[in-house]
N, C-alpha and C. Protein backbone atom coordinates (compact mmCIF):
# COMPACT_ATOMS: atom_id res chain seq x y z
N UNK A 1 48.19 84.65 135.25
CA UNK A 1 49.73 85.26 134.93
C UNK A 1 51.02 84.64 135.92
N UNK A 2 51.79 84.03 135.11
CA UNK A 2 53.02 83.34 135.67
C UNK A 2 54.15 84.26 136.18
N UNK A 3 54.64 84.42 137.26
CA UNK A 3 55.77 85.20 137.57
C UNK A 3 57.04 84.35 137.54
N UNK A 4 58.16 85.05 137.18
CA UNK A 4 59.37 84.78 136.77
C UNK A 4 59.69 84.50 138.27
N UNK A 5 60.95 83.59 138.51
CA UNK A 5 61.67 83.92 139.84
C UNK A 5 62.73 84.69 139.63
N UNK A 6 63.19 85.10 140.54
CA UNK A 6 64.29 86.22 140.63
C UNK A 6 65.58 85.85 139.61
N UNK A 7 65.94 84.43 140.04
CA UNK A 7 66.96 84.00 139.17
C UNK A 7 66.61 84.07 137.65
N UNK A 8 65.48 83.61 137.00
CA UNK A 8 64.98 83.48 135.77
C UNK A 8 65.12 85.16 135.12
N UNK A 9 64.75 85.92 135.94
CA UNK A 9 64.25 87.20 135.57
C UNK A 9 65.75 87.49 135.42
N UNK A 10 66.76 87.38 136.21
CA UNK A 10 68.17 88.15 136.18
C UNK A 10 68.79 87.61 134.81
N UNK A 11 68.68 86.33 134.72
CA UNK A 11 69.13 85.54 133.52
C UNK A 11 68.46 85.96 132.08
N UNK A 12 67.14 86.54 132.10
CA UNK A 12 66.85 87.18 130.78
C UNK A 12 67.27 88.60 130.71
N UNK A 13 67.25 89.04 131.72
CA UNK A 13 67.83 90.67 131.75
C UNK A 13 69.32 90.47 131.17
N UNK A 14 70.17 89.71 131.74
CA UNK A 14 71.58 89.70 131.20
C UNK A 14 71.69 89.37 129.66
N UNK A 15 70.56 88.42 129.34
CA UNK A 15 70.40 88.38 127.72
C UNK A 15 70.32 89.17 127.08
N UNK A 16 69.42 90.11 127.16
CA UNK A 16 68.46 91.15 126.72
C UNK A 16 70.02 92.23 126.93
N UNK A 17 70.72 92.50 127.87
CA UNK A 17 71.61 93.36 127.76
C UNK A 17 72.85 92.91 127.19
N UNK A 18 73.35 91.51 127.03
CA UNK A 18 74.42 91.17 126.17
C UNK A 18 74.04 91.47 124.79
N UNK A 19 72.88 91.07 124.52
CA UNK A 19 72.36 91.43 122.93
C UNK A 19 72.46 92.76 122.61
N UNK A 20 72.00 93.41 123.46
CA UNK A 20 72.08 95.03 123.15
C UNK A 20 73.40 95.51 123.18
N UNK A 21 74.49 95.03 123.66
CA UNK A 21 75.98 95.31 123.78
C UNK A 21 76.51 94.89 122.24
N UNK A 22 76.11 93.88 121.91
CA UNK A 22 76.59 93.16 120.76
C UNK A 22 76.10 93.98 119.78
N UNK A 23 74.79 94.50 119.48
CA UNK A 23 74.39 95.10 118.66
C UNK A 23 75.07 96.66 118.41
N UNK A 24 75.13 97.32 119.54
CA UNK A 24 76.10 98.37 119.49
C UNK A 24 77.37 98.33 119.11
N UNK A 25 78.08 97.31 119.49
CA UNK A 25 79.44 96.97 119.20
C UNK A 25 79.36 96.83 117.65
N UNK A 26 78.40 95.97 117.02
CA UNK A 26 78.47 95.67 115.50
C UNK A 26 78.19 96.94 114.73
N UNK A 27 77.34 97.82 115.41
CA UNK A 27 77.04 99.20 114.75
C UNK A 27 78.19 99.86 114.66
N UNK A 28 79.05 100.07 115.67
CA UNK A 28 80.28 101.07 115.81
C UNK A 28 81.28 100.40 115.06
N UNK A 29 81.42 99.15 114.96
CA UNK A 29 82.15 98.63 114.09
C UNK A 29 82.32 99.09 112.65
N UNK A 30 80.76 98.84 112.40
CA UNK A 30 80.38 98.97 110.99
C UNK A 30 80.79 100.43 110.54
N UNK A 31 80.36 101.40 111.54
CA UNK A 31 80.74 102.61 111.43
C UNK A 31 82.30 103.00 111.12
N UNK A 32 83.04 102.81 112.00
CA UNK A 32 84.13 102.73 111.80
C UNK A 32 85.00 102.12 110.56
N UNK A 33 84.55 101.22 109.89
CA UNK A 33 84.77 100.42 108.61
C UNK A 33 84.58 101.51 107.40
N UNK A 34 83.28 102.07 107.78
CA UNK A 34 82.80 102.84 106.52
C UNK A 34 83.64 104.31 106.55
N UNK A 35 83.99 104.62 107.83
CA UNK A 35 84.75 105.87 107.89
C UNK A 35 86.32 105.72 107.23
N UNK A 36 86.65 104.22 107.58
CA UNK A 36 87.96 104.23 106.94
C UNK A 36 88.01 104.15 105.40
N UNK A 37 87.06 103.66 104.93
CA UNK A 37 86.95 103.68 103.31
C UNK A 37 86.81 105.01 102.99
N UNK A 38 86.21 106.10 103.45
CA UNK A 38 85.86 107.18 102.99
C UNK A 38 87.38 108.09 103.10
N UNK A 39 88.09 107.91 103.93
CA UNK A 39 89.58 108.31 104.29
C UNK A 39 90.30 107.69 103.28
N UNK A 40 90.20 106.45 103.01
CA UNK A 40 91.37 106.12 101.63
C UNK A 40 90.91 106.45 100.51
N UNK A 41 89.82 107.03 100.09
CA UNK A 41 89.29 107.62 98.93
C UNK A 41 90.20 108.63 98.50
N UNK A 42 90.98 108.37 97.42
CA UNK A 42 91.80 109.33 96.73
C UNK A 42 91.21 110.52 95.71
N UNK A 43 91.85 111.66 95.71
CA UNK A 43 91.41 112.44 94.84
C UNK A 43 92.04 112.22 93.46
N UNK A 44 91.08 112.77 92.66
CA UNK A 44 91.66 112.54 91.16
C UNK A 44 91.90 114.03 90.43
N UNK A 45 93.29 114.14 89.81
CA UNK A 45 93.43 115.02 89.16
C UNK A 45 94.57 114.71 87.96
N UNK A 46 94.63 115.15 86.89
CA UNK A 46 95.64 114.58 85.55
C UNK A 46 96.88 115.59 85.69
N UNK A 47 96.74 116.90 86.22
CA UNK A 47 97.79 117.96 86.18
C UNK A 47 97.58 118.66 87.66
N UNK A 48 98.97 119.18 87.76
CA UNK A 48 99.21 119.89 88.67
C UNK A 48 100.12 121.25 88.54
N UNK A 49 99.81 122.35 88.76
CA UNK A 49 100.64 123.37 88.61
C UNK A 49 101.41 123.80 90.12
N UNK A 50 102.66 124.10 89.77
CA UNK A 50 103.52 124.22 91.20
C UNK A 50 103.88 125.80 90.89
N UNK A 51 103.42 126.74 92.02
CA UNK A 51 103.54 127.79 91.98
C UNK A 51 104.92 128.40 92.44
N UNK A 52 105.58 129.30 92.32
CA UNK A 52 106.88 129.87 92.79
C UNK A 52 106.61 130.10 94.41
N UNK A 53 107.47 129.31 95.31
CA UNK A 53 107.07 129.68 96.49
C UNK A 53 107.04 130.97 97.13
N UNK A 54 106.11 131.19 98.20
CA UNK A 54 106.02 132.76 98.66
C UNK A 54 106.79 132.51 99.91
N UNK A 55 107.94 133.85 100.22
CA UNK A 55 108.68 133.64 101.22
C UNK A 55 107.95 134.33 102.62
N UNK A 56 106.72 134.78 102.14
CA UNK A 56 105.90 135.37 103.10
C UNK A 56 106.80 136.59 104.14
N UNK A 57 106.68 136.52 105.32
CA UNK A 57 107.38 137.41 106.06
C UNK A 57 108.76 136.77 106.55
N UNK A 58 109.17 135.60 106.13
CA UNK A 58 110.48 134.87 106.57
C UNK A 58 111.59 135.46 105.50
N UNK A 59 112.80 135.75 106.16
CA UNK A 59 113.85 136.10 105.64
C UNK A 59 114.37 134.59 104.75
N UNK A 60 114.18 134.31 103.52
CA UNK A 60 114.52 132.94 102.97
C UNK A 60 115.37 133.34 102.05
N UNK A 61 116.75 133.02 102.08
CA UNK A 61 117.80 133.41 100.96
C UNK A 61 117.08 132.82 99.46
N UNK A 62 117.28 133.46 98.27
CA UNK A 62 117.01 133.04 97.21
C UNK A 62 117.39 131.61 96.87
N UNK A 63 118.51 131.31 97.35
CA UNK A 63 119.15 129.99 96.99
C UNK A 63 118.22 128.89 97.33
N UNK A 64 117.50 128.96 98.81
CA UNK A 64 116.65 128.16 99.33
C UNK A 64 115.12 128.25 98.62
N UNK A 65 115.04 129.41 98.05
CA UNK A 65 113.57 129.54 97.44
C UNK A 65 113.72 128.66 95.99
N UNK A 66 114.74 128.87 95.37
CA UNK A 66 115.05 128.24 94.18
C UNK A 66 115.11 126.52 94.30
N UNK A 67 115.83 126.18 95.50
CA UNK A 67 115.85 124.95 95.58
C UNK A 67 114.57 124.08 96.05
N UNK A 68 113.93 124.80 96.87
CA UNK A 68 112.31 124.36 97.26
C UNK A 68 111.51 124.06 95.84
N UNK A 69 111.50 125.24 95.05
CA UNK A 69 110.84 125.10 93.81
C UNK A 69 111.23 124.03 93.17
N UNK A 70 112.50 123.82 92.78
CA UNK A 70 112.94 122.72 91.84
C UNK A 70 112.84 121.77 92.40
N UNK A 71 113.01 121.18 93.68
CA UNK A 71 112.98 120.24 94.26
C UNK A 71 111.55 119.46 94.41
N UNK A 72 110.49 120.47 94.59
CA UNK A 72 109.10 120.26 94.60
C UNK A 72 108.85 119.44 93.19
N UNK A 73 109.28 120.34 91.81
CA UNK A 73 109.02 119.93 90.70
C UNK A 73 109.46 118.29 90.53
N UNK A 74 110.77 118.21 90.93
CA UNK A 74 111.25 117.01 90.49
C UNK A 74 110.66 115.72 91.42
N UNK A 75 110.18 116.04 92.61
CA UNK A 75 109.79 115.18 93.55
C UNK A 75 108.23 115.00 93.19
N UNK A 76 107.62 115.92 92.70
CA UNK A 76 106.19 115.72 92.27
C UNK A 76 106.28 114.79 91.07
N UNK A 77 106.99 115.04 90.01
CA UNK A 77 106.99 114.38 88.79
C UNK A 77 107.27 112.87 89.32
N UNK A 78 108.19 112.57 90.21
CA UNK A 78 109.06 111.32 90.17
C UNK A 78 107.69 110.31 91.03
N UNK A 79 106.39 111.03 91.41
CA UNK A 79 105.36 110.40 92.23
C UNK A 79 104.57 109.48 90.93
N UNK A 80 104.68 110.24 89.71
CA UNK A 80 103.70 109.68 88.64
C UNK A 80 102.20 109.77 88.86
N UNK A 81 101.95 110.48 89.57
CA UNK A 81 100.38 110.85 89.89
C UNK A 81 100.07 111.57 88.93
N UNK A 82 100.55 112.41 88.18
CA UNK A 82 99.95 113.44 87.13
C UNK A 82 100.45 113.25 85.89
N UNK A 83 99.66 113.57 85.03
CA UNK A 83 100.12 113.58 83.46
C UNK A 83 101.15 114.75 83.30
N UNK A 84 100.67 115.62 83.89
CA UNK A 84 101.51 116.99 83.42
C UNK A 84 101.77 117.48 84.95
N UNK A 85 102.86 118.14 84.85
CA UNK A 85 103.51 119.02 86.19
C UNK A 85 103.60 120.29 85.48
N UNK A 86 102.95 121.22 85.72
CA UNK A 86 103.35 122.46 85.21
C UNK A 86 104.10 123.52 86.15
N UNK A 87 104.81 124.23 85.60
CA UNK A 87 105.48 125.37 86.48
C UNK A 87 104.49 126.59 86.51
N UNK A 88 104.87 127.40 87.42
CA UNK A 88 104.04 128.68 87.52
C UNK A 88 104.14 129.35 86.42
N UNK A 89 103.15 130.06 85.94
CA UNK A 89 102.89 130.78 84.83
C UNK A 89 102.90 130.02 83.38
N UNK A 90 102.85 128.63 83.56
CA UNK A 90 102.62 128.04 82.30
C UNK A 90 101.47 127.81 81.83
N UNK A 91 101.29 128.78 80.44
CA UNK A 91 99.98 128.89 79.68
C UNK A 91 99.05 127.83 79.38
N UNK A 92 100.02 126.47 79.24
CA UNK A 92 99.29 125.44 78.92
C UNK A 92 98.36 124.95 80.07
N UNK A 93 98.64 125.01 81.31
CA UNK A 93 98.00 124.67 82.43
C UNK A 93 96.36 125.28 82.38
N UNK A 94 96.27 126.37 81.45
CA UNK A 94 94.98 127.05 81.89
C UNK A 94 93.85 125.78 80.94
N UNK A 95 94.68 125.21 80.01
CA UNK A 95 93.63 124.32 79.44
C UNK A 95 93.22 122.74 80.07
N UNK A 96 94.11 122.54 81.03
CA UNK A 96 93.73 121.21 81.96
C UNK A 96 92.41 121.07 82.60
N UNK A 97 91.88 120.17 82.48
CA UNK A 97 90.22 120.32 82.88
C UNK A 97 90.08 120.04 84.34
N UNK A 98 91.28 119.26 84.95
CA UNK A 98 91.07 118.90 86.29
C UNK A 98 92.21 119.22 87.19
N UNK A 99 92.88 120.56 86.87
CA UNK A 99 94.02 121.26 87.21
C UNK A 99 93.69 121.30 88.88
N UNK A 100 95.02 120.95 89.46
CA UNK A 100 95.06 121.36 91.06
C UNK A 100 96.39 122.30 90.78
N UNK A 101 96.42 123.11 91.90
CA UNK A 101 97.52 123.94 92.16
C UNK A 101 98.34 123.84 93.41
N UNK A 102 99.63 123.89 93.49
CA UNK A 102 100.26 123.45 94.81
C UNK A 102 100.84 124.83 95.18
N UNK A 103 100.35 125.54 96.40
CA UNK A 103 101.07 126.63 96.73
C UNK A 103 102.03 126.57 98.11
N UNK A 104 103.02 127.42 98.36
CA UNK A 104 103.86 127.22 99.38
C UNK A 104 104.36 128.37 99.91
N UNK A 105 104.08 128.59 101.00
CA UNK A 105 104.42 129.77 101.99
C UNK A 105 105.31 129.64 103.21
N UNK A 106 106.47 130.11 103.11
CA UNK A 106 107.37 129.90 103.97
C UNK A 106 106.77 130.68 105.55
N UNK A 107 106.86 129.73 106.47
CA UNK A 107 106.67 129.93 107.88
C UNK A 107 107.77 130.30 109.00
N UNK A 108 108.95 129.52 108.69
CA UNK A 108 110.13 129.84 109.55
C UNK A 108 111.25 129.33 108.61
N UNK A 109 112.41 129.85 108.98
CA UNK A 109 113.62 129.25 108.60
C UNK A 109 114.80 129.57 109.35
N UNK A 110 115.53 128.56 109.73
CA UNK A 110 116.76 128.83 110.31
C UNK A 110 118.04 128.14 109.58
N UNK A 111 118.97 129.09 109.27
CA UNK A 111 119.86 128.20 108.43
C UNK A 111 121.06 128.08 109.41
N UNK A 112 121.39 126.84 109.35
CA UNK A 112 122.52 126.07 110.35
C UNK A 112 123.87 126.19 109.86
N UNK A 113 124.53 125.50 109.94
CA UNK A 113 125.84 125.14 109.65
C UNK A 113 126.43 124.04 109.58
N UNK A 114 126.91 123.65 108.09
CA UNK A 114 127.50 122.15 107.76
C UNK A 114 128.36 121.92 108.71
N UNK A 115 129.46 122.65 108.64
CA UNK A 115 130.60 122.68 109.53
C UNK A 115 130.22 122.33 111.03
N UNK A 116 129.25 123.01 111.81
CA UNK A 116 129.08 122.63 112.88
C UNK A 116 128.14 121.22 113.20
N UNK A 117 127.68 120.66 112.07
CA UNK A 117 126.85 119.65 112.20
C UNK A 117 128.05 118.40 112.14
N UNK A 118 129.00 118.58 111.12
CA UNK A 118 129.99 117.50 111.21
C UNK A 118 130.86 117.70 112.33
N UNK A 119 131.16 118.58 112.67
CA UNK A 119 132.14 118.70 114.21
C UNK A 119 131.31 118.20 115.27
N UNK A 120 130.16 118.63 115.56
CA UNK A 120 129.67 118.35 116.84
C UNK A 120 128.45 117.25 116.68
N UNK A 121 127.68 117.13 115.53
CA UNK A 121 126.52 116.40 115.37
C UNK A 121 125.45 116.81 116.29
N UNK A 122 125.39 117.83 117.03
CA UNK A 122 124.16 118.29 117.71
C UNK A 122 123.88 119.73 117.71
N UNK A 123 124.97 120.26 116.70
CA UNK A 123 124.66 121.94 116.40
C UNK A 123 124.56 121.93 115.24
N UNK A 124 124.07 123.31 114.57
CA UNK A 124 124.22 123.62 113.13
C UNK A 124 122.93 123.13 112.33
N UNK A 125 122.00 122.36 113.03
CA UNK A 125 120.84 122.09 112.10
C UNK A 125 120.17 123.18 111.31
N UNK A 126 120.02 122.79 109.98
CA UNK A 126 119.23 123.79 109.39
C UNK A 126 117.65 123.38 109.18
N UNK A 127 116.73 124.07 109.39
CA UNK A 127 115.21 123.83 109.21
C UNK A 127 114.57 124.85 108.52
N UNK A 128 113.27 124.23 107.69
CA UNK A 128 112.46 125.12 107.22
C UNK A 128 111.00 124.82 107.63
N UNK A 129 110.31 125.46 107.61
CA UNK A 129 108.91 125.04 107.90
C UNK A 129 107.80 125.90 106.87
N UNK A 130 107.21 125.08 105.89
CA UNK A 130 106.60 125.92 104.91
C UNK A 130 105.01 125.16 104.72
N UNK A 131 104.07 126.10 104.39
CA UNK A 131 102.63 125.94 104.63
C UNK A 131 102.62 125.33 103.17
N UNK A 132 101.95 124.26 102.81
CA UNK A 132 101.61 123.47 101.65
C UNK A 132 100.04 123.72 101.48
N UNK A 133 99.71 124.23 100.39
CA UNK A 133 98.32 124.19 100.31
C UNK A 133 98.10 123.82 98.76
N UNK A 134 97.24 122.82 98.40
CA UNK A 134 96.96 122.35 97.11
C UNK A 134 95.55 122.62 96.80
N UNK A 135 95.17 123.44 95.77
CA UNK A 135 93.84 123.66 95.97
C UNK A 135 93.00 123.33 94.12
N UNK A 136 91.78 123.04 94.49
CA UNK A 136 91.44 122.56 93.26
C UNK A 136 91.08 123.84 92.31
N UNK A 137 90.53 123.36 90.99
CA UNK A 137 90.44 124.30 89.88
C UNK A 137 89.42 125.66 90.39
N UNK A 138 88.73 125.42 91.63
CA UNK A 138 87.97 126.80 91.96
C UNK A 138 88.71 127.52 92.98
N UNK A 139 90.22 127.05 93.72
CA UNK A 139 90.53 127.58 94.41
C UNK A 139 90.23 127.25 96.01
N UNK A 140 89.43 126.05 96.01
CA UNK A 140 89.23 125.29 97.18
C UNK A 140 90.40 124.50 97.82
N UNK A 141 90.59 124.71 99.25
CA UNK A 141 91.95 123.85 99.46
C UNK A 141 91.59 122.51 99.44
N UNK A 142 92.59 121.62 99.17
CA UNK A 142 92.35 120.25 98.93
C UNK A 142 93.15 119.59 100.19
N UNK A 143 94.44 120.13 100.53
CA UNK A 143 95.28 119.81 101.48
C UNK A 143 95.90 121.12 101.75
N UNK A 144 96.03 121.37 102.99
CA UNK A 144 96.55 122.65 103.84
C UNK A 144 97.34 122.35 105.04
N UNK A 145 98.65 122.18 105.16
CA UNK A 145 99.12 121.88 106.26
C UNK A 145 100.75 122.32 106.21
N UNK A 146 101.24 122.50 107.33
CA UNK A 146 102.82 123.09 107.54
C UNK A 146 103.58 121.58 107.57
N UNK A 147 104.74 121.92 106.86
CA UNK A 147 105.46 120.70 106.39
C UNK A 147 106.96 121.19 106.85
N UNK A 148 107.59 120.25 107.56
CA UNK A 148 109.00 121.06 108.23
C UNK A 148 110.09 120.04 107.33
N UNK A 149 111.30 120.91 106.98
CA UNK A 149 112.32 119.98 106.09
C UNK A 149 113.43 120.25 107.01
N UNK A 150 114.48 119.57 107.19
CA UNK A 150 115.56 119.70 107.99
C UNK A 150 116.63 118.93 107.50
N UNK A 151 117.96 119.35 107.88
CA UNK A 151 119.07 118.78 108.06
C UNK A 151 119.70 118.61 109.29
N UNK A 152 120.03 117.55 109.84
CA UNK A 152 120.21 117.61 111.16
C UNK A 152 121.87 117.17 111.25
N UNK A 153 122.14 115.95 110.53
CA UNK A 153 123.54 115.51 110.88
C UNK A 153 124.61 115.94 109.79
N UNK A 154 124.30 115.29 108.48
CA UNK A 154 125.03 115.67 107.41
C UNK A 154 124.44 116.01 106.33
N UNK A 155 125.26 116.59 105.54
CA UNK A 155 124.87 117.18 104.13
C UNK A 155 124.91 118.73 104.29
N UNK A 156 124.49 119.04 102.76
CA UNK A 156 124.63 120.96 103.04
C UNK A 156 123.12 121.29 103.50
N UNK A 157 123.32 122.74 103.62
CA UNK A 157 122.08 123.61 103.98
C UNK A 157 121.02 123.15 103.20
N UNK A 158 121.17 123.26 101.79
CA UNK A 158 119.97 122.99 101.03
C UNK A 158 119.36 121.51 101.22
N UNK A 159 119.96 120.90 101.87
CA UNK A 159 119.34 119.40 102.27
C UNK A 159 117.91 119.68 102.66
N UNK A 160 117.79 120.65 103.29
CA UNK A 160 116.54 120.75 104.29
C UNK A 160 115.23 120.92 103.00
N UNK A 161 115.32 121.49 101.76
CA UNK A 161 114.68 121.86 100.89
C UNK A 161 114.60 120.41 100.35
N UNK A 162 115.31 119.46 100.09
CA UNK A 162 114.99 118.07 99.54
C UNK A 162 114.25 117.43 100.65
N UNK A 163 114.56 117.48 101.88
CA UNK A 163 113.69 116.74 102.73
C UNK A 163 112.14 117.26 102.67
N UNK A 164 112.12 118.40 102.66
CA UNK A 164 110.65 119.10 102.84
C UNK A 164 110.02 118.42 101.28
N UNK A 165 110.84 118.56 100.29
CA UNK A 165 109.98 118.33 98.84
C UNK A 165 109.69 116.79 98.83
N UNK A 166 110.60 115.59 99.47
CA UNK A 166 110.41 114.43 99.66
C UNK A 166 108.88 114.18 100.53
N UNK A 167 108.82 114.99 101.73
CA UNK A 167 107.54 115.04 102.53
C UNK A 167 106.51 115.42 101.74
N UNK A 168 106.33 116.40 101.00
CA UNK A 168 105.30 116.89 99.97
C UNK A 168 105.01 115.92 98.99
N UNK A 169 106.00 114.96 98.61
CA UNK A 169 105.67 114.06 97.44
C UNK A 169 104.60 113.05 98.20
N UNK A 170 105.13 112.59 99.61
CA UNK A 170 104.58 111.49 100.08
C UNK A 170 103.20 112.01 100.34
N UNK A 171 102.74 113.21 100.71
CA UNK A 171 101.42 113.83 100.70
C UNK A 171 100.73 113.65 99.64
N UNK A 172 101.43 113.90 98.37
CA UNK A 172 100.69 113.92 97.05
C UNK A 172 100.34 112.00 96.76
N UNK A 173 101.37 111.29 97.06
CA UNK A 173 101.08 109.90 96.92
C UNK A 173 100.02 109.29 97.80
N UNK A 174 99.83 110.17 99.05
CA UNK A 174 98.61 109.68 99.77
C UNK A 174 97.47 110.27 99.50
N UNK A 175 97.32 111.35 98.79
CA UNK A 175 96.07 111.97 98.62
C UNK A 175 95.48 111.83 97.25
N UNK A 176 96.53 111.42 95.99
CA UNK A 176 96.08 111.36 94.86
C UNK A 176 96.54 109.97 94.17
């Protein structure tokens, strides 16, 4: 039986450890790549129904509820992701085979002042935070997150609803 010298043994051990590290790194990179492809997989639906906003416990003026609803419909239509965008209560939506439904519920609202924004540029911001939940045909959530819309520098207070709806449209584009 032949014995390795200390140096030869150290070199052999170093090669074995290096190979093991390379195999582990390769395996981790392979897992990371497969995870990214799963995340990039988009959902499929030909139709969406947009429900009227739920003010929840938040005092949300009627003009803001209407603006949230109308801006959502407009921005979702602009995405081009759905063949049909249905309004709440539209009976035709019941026949859509892969319908998803967008629900909104107000979480917070601060009505600022357009005049203060124009004069000071640091005061008077209008903001609203709304929970956006998109559910599949069984009612299971596909998307569920809070989105904040705001007007900080210029523009009317209702501009916060436009900012909010643009952010929701981006979520739709990224998920469908």
